[in-house]
């Protein structure tokens, strides 16, 4: 806290700044004290089928977090906007409830971290697009289209054979996965509630809209490819000085991955690519709320080059929920990683 002192000779604007600093620090201290005083919600974990599939070490980590972490502290924090697993998210995963799209994003970050630990160059590591990429395409918000679609593609297209787009439908109630296979130059859509007739329904229309947006970007890049490669620079949106109302661009030098992404588009993108609805991916039951878990399961299988089975039982998904909780609990971004295990 700023020390109290004689301020007679200090300008008024400086005194006001000191008062504001004191007020802000007091507010933060009071908030932390209030959070510490809040008793943790009592949850009977033993009632959960997921909990029964968790190993003892993961149970201990979950219980320690639940009992000791202040209510506003995240179970897992990826240090990026929206990339956090909250107490409620953790509870939903264990109690077999629907999960939010932020958990899908967090799992993509976690998988990327795991893969990069094995592959120092980051080659052939899938790119997991932020679920907000779909929101920006759906709402045609230019600022967010640049932030969540254009920039990640510029930076990652060259190094990844797969670009994975989690998409939320029905106001986030249903999740599916759109997959771009760079080697085969095609799109496929993985829906755990696939319609009886292929390529129908609102979900597929949303997917096609996402594809159109990406291919619109590819077309624009292809048209400018020669100039960008020759000049060694491109126009990039100025995130710091741009807003939703006004987009500002700036010229920046190309980094190597961007140069390779541009070259790939120039040499490989010829025409619009069809979208295939996968017909042999596992399907969830009629009363299942596991669509988000199916997306995460498919993301993991693709990232680790595993075989995706044609069928998953409810126990398979319960076990996978337990695996997801374990993965978050053991990650270096988890609350537990910064607190000694007792």
Protein backbone atom coordinates (compact mmCIF):
# COMPACT_ATOMS: atom_id res chain seq x y z
CA UNK A 1 0.00 0.00 0.00
CA UNK A 2 1.23 3.50 -0.69
CA UNK A 3 2.57 4.99 2.57
CA UNK A 4 0.67 7.91 4.07
CA UNK A 5 2.76 11.11 4.15
CA UNK A 6 2.59 14.89 4.16
CA UNK A 7 1.39 15.84 0.72
CA UNK A 8 1.10 19.62 1.02
CA UNK A 9 3.74 20.23 -1.66
CA UNK A 10 2.63 17.40 -3.97
CA UNK A 11 0.53 18.34 -7.05
CA UNK A 12 -3.16 17.49 -6.82
CA UNK A 13 -3.05 15.05 -9.75
CA UNK A 14 -0.28 13.08 -8.01
CA UNK A 15 -2.27 13.02 -4.75
CA UNK A 16 -5.33 11.79 -6.63
CA UNK A 17 -3.26 9.04 -8.28
CA UNK A 18 -1.98 7.94 -4.84
CA UNK A 19 -5.53 7.87 -3.45
CA UNK A 20 -6.67 5.74 -6.39
CA UNK A 21 -3.77 3.34 -5.91
CA UNK A 22 -4.61 2.97 -2.22
CA UNK A 23 -8.28 2.40 -3.00
CA UNK A 24 -7.50 -0.21 -5.66
CA UNK A 25 -5.10 -2.07 -3.39
CA UNK A 26 -7.56 -2.03 -0.49
CA UNK A 27 -10.30 -3.34 -2.77
CA UNK A 28 -8.05 -6.17 -3.94
CA UNK A 29 -7.10 -7.10 -0.36
CA UNK A 30 -10.74 -7.08 0.71
CA UNK A 31 -11.70 -9.19 -2.30
CA UNK A 32 -9.01 -11.76 -1.51
CA UNK A 33 -10.09 -11.90 2.12
CA UNK A 34 -13.72 -12.38 1.13
CA UNK A 35 -12.79 -15.16 -1.28
CA UNK A 36 -10.77 -16.94 1.37
CA UNK A 37 -13.69 -16.70 3.78
CA UNK A 38 -16.12 -18.34 1.36
CA UNK A 39 -16.53 -21.98 2.36
CA UNK A 40 -16.01 -24.41 -0.55
CA UNK A 41 -19.13 -25.90 -2.04
CA UNK A 42 -19.77 -29.35 -0.63
CA UNK A 43 -19.85 -31.88 -3.46
CA UNK A 44 -20.37 -35.61 -3.00
CA UNK A 45 -17.84 -36.72 -5.61
CA UNK A 46 -18.53 -40.36 -4.80
CA UNK A 47 -21.90 -40.01 -6.52
CA UNK A 48 -20.13 -39.40 -9.83
CA UNK A 49 -19.44 -42.30 -12.19
CA UNK A 50 -16.53 -40.28 -13.60
CA UNK A 51 -14.97 -40.03 -10.13
CA UNK A 52 -14.90 -43.79 -9.88
CA UNK A 53 -12.69 -43.93 -12.99
CA UNK A 54 -10.20 -41.40 -11.58
CA UNK A 55 -6.96 -42.67 -10.02
CA UNK A 56 -6.15 -41.83 -6.40
CA UNK A 57 -3.57 -39.18 -7.21
CA UNK A 58 -6.03 -37.26 -9.43
CA UNK A 59 -8.72 -37.50 -6.77
CA UNK A 60 -6.29 -36.07 -4.23
CA UNK A 61 -5.37 -33.19 -6.53
CA UNK A 62 -9.02 -32.38 -7.20
CA UNK A 63 -9.93 -32.50 -3.52
CA UNK A 64 -6.97 -30.32 -2.52
CA UNK A 65 -7.88 -27.72 -5.14
CA UNK A 66 -11.56 -27.81 -4.17
CA UNK A 67 -10.88 -27.38 -0.46
CA UNK A 68 -7.99 -24.91 -0.57
CA UNK A 69 -8.19 -22.72 -3.69
CA UNK A 70 -10.15 -19.46 -3.31
CA UNK A 71 -13.45 -19.54 -5.16
CA UNK A 72 -12.28 -17.29 -7.99
CA UNK A 73 -9.07 -19.20 -8.72
CA UNK A 74 -8.98 -21.39 -11.83
CA UNK A 75 -8.28 -25.12 -11.74
CA UNK A 76 -6.25 -24.69 -14.96
CA UNK A 77 -5.12 -21.38 -16.46
CA UNK A 78 -3.63 -21.22 -19.94
CA UNK A 79 -2.80 -17.50 -19.51
CA UNK A 80 -4.83 -16.60 -22.61
CA UNK A 81 -8.16 -14.84 -22.90
CA UNK A 82 -10.90 -17.38 -22.23
CA UNK A 83 -8.47 -20.30 -21.87
CA UNK A 84 -9.26 -21.24 -18.28
CA UNK A 85 -10.92 -24.18 -16.55
CA UNK A 86 -12.99 -22.84 -13.67
CA UNK A 87 -14.32 -24.59 -10.59
CA UNK A 88 -17.67 -24.97 -12.34
CA UNK A 89 -15.99 -26.43 -15.43
CA UNK A 90 -14.20 -28.98 -13.26
CA UNK A 91 -17.41 -29.89 -11.48
CA UNK A 92 -19.26 -30.27 -14.80
CA UNK A 93 -16.57 -32.61 -16.15
CA UNK A 94 -16.64 -34.84 -13.08
CA UNK A 95 -20.41 -34.79 -12.59
CA UNK A 96 -21.02 -35.85 -16.22
CA UNK A 97 -22.56 -32.54 -17.27
CA UNK A 98 -22.21 -30.75 -20.66
CA UNK A 99 -18.94 -28.88 -21.04
CA UNK A 100 -18.39 -25.36 -22.36
CA UNK A 101 -16.37 -24.50 -25.46
CA UNK A 102 -13.59 -22.94 -23.34
CA UNK A 103 -12.77 -26.45 -22.06
CA UNK A 104 -12.34 -27.63 -25.66
CA UNK A 105 -9.97 -24.72 -26.31
CA UNK A 106 -8.02 -25.48 -23.13
CA UNK A 107 -7.65 -29.12 -24.10
CA UNK A 108 -6.30 -28.09 -27.50
CA UNK A 109 -3.68 -25.93 -25.76
CA UNK A 110 -2.81 -28.78 -23.41
CA UNK A 111 -2.41 -31.25 -26.29
CA UNK A 112 -0.23 -28.75 -28.16
CA UNK A 113 2.02 -28.39 -25.10
CA UNK A 114 2.34 -32.17 -24.83
CA UNK A 115 3.24 -32.55 -28.49
CA UNK A 116 5.72 -29.67 -28.50
CA UNK A 117 7.58 -31.28 -25.60
CA UNK A 118 8.28 -34.21 -27.92
CA UNK A 119 8.74 -32.22 -31.13
CA UNK A 120 10.98 -29.23 -30.49
CA UNK A 121 10.48 -27.76 -33.97
CA UNK A 122 6.70 -27.98 -33.74
CA UNK A 123 6.53 -29.76 -37.10
CA UNK A 124 3.48 -31.88 -37.87
CA UNK A 125 1.77 -30.67 -34.69
CA UNK A 126 -1.94 -30.09 -35.42
CA UNK A 127 -3.27 -26.57 -35.04
CA UNK A 128 -6.24 -26.37 -32.71
CA UNK A 129 -8.16 -23.25 -33.63
CA UNK A 130 -9.84 -21.25 -30.89
CA UNK A 131 -13.62 -21.93 -30.77
CA UNK A 132 -14.02 -18.14 -31.00
CA UNK A 133 -12.82 -18.50 -34.59
CA UNK A 134 -16.27 -19.84 -35.46
CA UNK A 135 -17.98 -17.06 -33.50
CA UNK A 136 -16.06 -14.45 -35.47
CA UNK A 137 -16.96 -16.10 -38.78
CA UNK A 138 -20.61 -16.49 -37.75
CA UNK A 139 -20.96 -12.86 -36.72
CA UNK A 140 -18.60 -11.48 -39.39
CA UNK A 141 -16.79 -9.32 -36.86
CA UNK A 142 -13.74 -8.23 -38.87
CA UNK A 143 -11.53 -7.54 -35.84
CA UNK A 144 -12.06 -11.06 -34.47
CA UNK A 145 -11.83 -12.66 -37.91
CA UNK A 146 -8.29 -11.30 -38.09
CA UNK A 147 -7.49 -12.21 -34.48
CA UNK A 148 -8.88 -15.75 -34.36
CA UNK A 149 -8.73 -16.86 -38.00
CA UNK A 150 -6.30 -14.98 -40.25
CA UNK A 151 -3.37 -14.57 -37.87
CA UNK A 152 -3.37 -18.15 -36.50
CA UNK A 153 -3.58 -19.52 -40.06
CA UNK A 154 -0.71 -17.33 -41.25
CA UNK A 155 1.42 -18.57 -38.38
CA UNK A 156 0.45 -22.25 -38.28
CA UNK A 157 -0.63 -23.45 -41.72
CA UNK A 158 2.95 -24.20 -42.81
CA UNK A 159 3.81 -26.44 -39.87
CA UNK A 160 0.58 -28.40 -39.41
CA UNK A 161 -0.84 -31.23 -41.48
CA UNK A 162 -4.18 -30.85 -39.70
CA UNK A 163 -6.07 -27.66 -38.81
CA UNK A 164 -8.90 -28.46 -36.37
CA UNK A 165 -11.86 -26.11 -35.95
CA UNK A 166 -14.16 -26.79 -32.96
CA UNK A 167 -17.56 -25.37 -33.82
CA UNK A 168 -20.41 -24.64 -31.40
CA UNK A 169 -23.97 -24.83 -32.68
CA UNK A 170 -27.32 -24.01 -31.14
CA UNK A 171 -25.89 -21.24 -28.91
CA UNK A 172 -23.17 -23.55 -27.63
CA UNK A 173 -25.42 -26.50 -26.89
CA UNK A 174 -23.87 -28.78 -29.52
CA UNK A 175 -20.19 -29.09 -30.50
CA UNK A 176 -18.70 -30.61 -33.66
CA UNK A 177 -15.23 -30.72 -35.22
CA UNK A 178 -14.24 -29.46 -38.67
CA UNK A 179 -10.95 -30.89 -39.96
CA UNK A 180 -8.71 -29.56 -42.72
CA UNK A 181 -6.26 -32.19 -43.98
CA UNK A 182 -3.48 -30.22 -45.64
CA UNK A 183 -1.85 -33.29 -47.19
CA UNK A 184 -5.06 -34.53 -48.81
CA UNK A 185 -6.30 -30.96 -49.41
CA UNK A 186 -9.79 -31.71 -48.17
CA UNK A 187 -12.29 -30.89 -45.44
CA UNK A 188 -14.17 -33.35 -43.24
CA UNK A 189 -16.79 -32.81 -40.58
CA UNK A 190 -17.03 -34.96 -37.46
CA UNK A 191 -20.46 -34.80 -35.82
CA UNK A 192 -21.37 -37.10 -32.92
CA UNK A 193 -25.05 -36.43 -33.74
CA UNK A 194 -24.82 -36.95 -37.47
CA UNK A 195 -28.09 -36.42 -39.38
CA UNK A 196 -29.54 -39.46 -41.14
CA UNK A 197 -29.10 -37.76 -44.48
CA UNK A 198 -25.57 -36.54 -45.14
CA UNK A 199 -24.83 -32.83 -45.56
CA UNK A 200 -28.13 -31.64 -44.13
CA UNK A 201 -29.16 -29.70 -41.08
CA UNK A 202 -28.04 -26.48 -39.48
CA UNK A 203 -24.75 -27.89 -38.19
CA UNK A 204 -23.51 -28.68 -41.68
CA UNK A 205 -24.59 -25.24 -42.93
CA UNK A 206 -22.53 -23.67 -40.14
CA UNK A 207 -19.57 -25.83 -41.12
CA UNK A 208 -19.85 -24.76 -44.76
CA UNK A 209 -19.89 -21.13 -43.64
CA UNK A 210 -16.65 -21.71 -41.72
CA UNK A 211 -15.06 -23.38 -44.76
CA UNK A 212 -16.13 -20.50 -47.01
CA UNK A 213 -14.50 -18.01 -44.64
CA UNK A 214 -11.19 -19.92 -44.57
CA UNK A 215 -11.16 -20.35 -48.35
CA UNK A 216 -11.95 -16.65 -48.79
CA UNK A 217 -8.79 -15.96 -46.79
CA UNK A 218 -6.81 -18.46 -48.88
CA UNK A 219 -8.03 -16.82 -52.09
CA UNK A 220 -6.96 -13.37 -50.87
CA UNK A 221 -3.54 -14.68 -49.83
CA UNK A 222 -3.06 -16.44 -53.17
CA UNK A 223 -3.85 -13.24 -55.07
CA UNK A 224 -1.22 -11.32 -53.10
CA UNK A 225 1.29 -14.16 -52.69
CA UNK A 226 3.83 -13.02 -55.31
CA UNK A 227 3.94 -9.46 -54.00
CA UNK A 228 4.26 -10.56 -50.36
CA UNK A 229 7.03 -13.06 -51.13
CA UNK A 230 8.92 -10.63 -53.32
CA UNK A 231 8.70 -7.75 -50.88
CA UNK A 232 9.16 -9.93 -47.79
CA UNK A 233 6.30 -8.30 -45.91
CA UNK A 234 2.52 -8.33 -45.52
CA UNK A 235 -0.26 -6.20 -44.15
CA UNK A 236 -1.25 -7.26 -40.63
CA UNK A 237 -4.02 -5.87 -38.50
CA UNK A 238 -2.79 -3.68 -35.67
CA UNK A 239 -4.31 -5.45 -32.69
CA UNK A 240 -3.23 -2.80 -30.19
CA UNK A 241 -4.74 0.15 -32.05
CA UNK A 242 -7.70 -1.58 -33.71
CA UNK A 243 -11.21 -1.98 -32.37
CA UNK A 244 -14.44 -3.66 -33.44
CA UNK A 245 -15.51 -0.33 -34.94
CA UNK A 246 -12.23 0.54 -36.66
CA UNK A 247 -9.61 -1.82 -38.07
CA UNK A 248 -6.08 -0.49 -38.56
CA UNK A 249 -3.46 -2.29 -40.61
CA UNK A 250 0.33 -2.12 -40.53
CA UNK A 251 3.10 -3.50 -42.73
CA UNK A 252 5.25 -6.15 -41.05
CA UNK A 253 8.16 -8.33 -42.23
CA UNK A 254 7.30 -11.96 -42.95
CA UNK A 255 8.55 -14.52 -40.47
CA UNK A 256 9.61 -17.89 -41.85
CA UNK A 257 6.41 -19.79 -40.96
CA UNK A 258 4.29 -17.08 -42.60
CA UNK A 259 6.44 -17.21 -45.73
CA UNK A 260 5.99 -20.99 -45.91
CA UNK A 261 2.22 -20.70 -45.33
CA UNK A 262 1.97 -18.25 -48.24
CA UNK A 263 4.04 -20.55 -50.46
CA UNK A 264 1.79 -23.50 -49.62
CA UNK A 265 -1.35 -21.58 -50.55
CA UNK A 266 0.24 -20.28 -53.75
CA UNK A 267 1.27 -23.78 -54.89
CA UNK A 268 -1.58 -25.90 -53.56
CA UNK A 269 -4.83 -23.97 -53.29
CA UNK A 270 -6.48 -24.32 -56.68
CA UNK A 271 -10.20 -24.22 -56.17
CA UNK A 272 -12.91 -24.65 -53.55
CA UNK A 273 -12.69 -27.96 -51.70
CA UNK A 274 -15.72 -30.07 -50.88
CA UNK A 275 -16.67 -30.88 -47.29
CA UNK A 276 -17.25 -34.54 -46.42
CA UNK A 277 -19.48 -35.58 -43.56
CA UNK A 278 -17.68 -38.47 -41.83
CA UNK A 279 -19.89 -41.53 -41.69
CA UNK A 280 -17.93 -43.89 -39.46
CA UNK A 281 -17.11 -41.69 -36.45
CA UNK A 282 -18.64 -42.67 -33.08
CA UNK A 283 -22.11 -41.38 -32.24
CA UNK A 284 -23.53 -40.31 -28.89
CA UNK A 285 -26.80 -41.61 -27.49
CA UNK A 286 -30.10 -39.82 -27.83
CA UNK A 287 -30.03 -38.54 -24.23
CA UNK A 288 -26.26 -37.95 -24.16
CA UNK A 289 -24.76 -34.54 -23.36
CA UNK A 290 -21.23 -35.59 -24.31
CA UNK A 291 -20.76 -33.85 -27.68
CA UNK A 292 -17.92 -31.70 -26.33
CA UNK A 293 -16.13 -34.79 -25.04
CA UNK A 294 -16.49 -36.46 -28.45
CA UNK A 295 -14.80 -33.41 -30.01
CA UNK A 296 -11.96 -33.52 -27.49
CA UNK A 297 -11.57 -37.27 -27.91
CA UNK A 298 -11.27 -36.88 -31.69
CA UNK A 299 -8.80 -34.02 -31.28
CA UNK A 300 -6.58 -36.20 -29.11
CA UNK A 301 -6.73 -39.20 -31.45
CA UNK A 302 -5.81 -37.08 -34.48
CA UNK A 303 -3.03 -35.28 -32.63
CA UNK A 304 -1.45 -38.54 -31.47
CA UNK A 305 -2.11 -40.35 -34.76
CA UNK A 306 -4.39 -42.87 -33.11
CA UNK A 307 -7.27 -44.78 -34.65
CA UNK A 308 -10.73 -43.36 -34.05
CA UNK A 309 -13.11 -46.23 -33.23
CA UNK A 310 -16.50 -46.46 -34.89
CA UNK A 311 -18.22 -46.74 -31.52
CA UNK A 312 -17.71 -45.41 -28.02
CA UNK A 313 -19.68 -46.73 -25.07
CA UNK A 314 -20.84 -44.54 -22.17
CA UNK A 315 -18.10 -46.08 -20.03
CA UNK A 316 -15.55 -45.14 -22.68
CA UNK A 317 -16.62 -41.50 -22.41
CA UNK A 318 -16.70 -41.61 -18.61
CA UNK A 319 -13.12 -42.93 -18.66
CA UNK A 320 -12.15 -40.19 -21.10
CA UNK A 321 -13.68 -37.54 -18.82
CA UNK A 322 -11.50 -38.92 -16.01
CA UNK A 323 -8.49 -38.79 -18.36
CA UNK A 324 -9.22 -35.14 -19.22
CA UNK A 325 -9.44 -34.19 -15.53
CA UNK A 326 -6.17 -36.02 -14.87
CA UNK A 327 -4.49 -34.23 -17.79
CA UNK A 328 -5.54 -30.80 -16.53
CA UNK A 329 -4.64 -31.64 -12.91
CA UNK A 330 -1.11 -32.75 -13.85
CA UNK A 331 -0.43 -29.91 -16.31
CA UNK A 332 2.10 -27.19 -15.49
CA UNK A 333 -0.77 -24.69 -15.88
CA UNK A 334 -2.87 -26.29 -13.15
CA UNK A 335 -3.45 -24.84 -9.69
CA UNK A 336 -1.91 -27.97 -8.22
CA UNK A 337 1.37 -27.44 -10.07
CA UNK A 338 2.01 -24.27 -8.07
CA UNK A 339 1.10 -25.82 -4.71
CA UNK A 340 3.01 -28.60 -3.03
CA UNK A 341 1.19 -31.90 -2.90
CA UNK A 342 0.58 -33.12 0.63
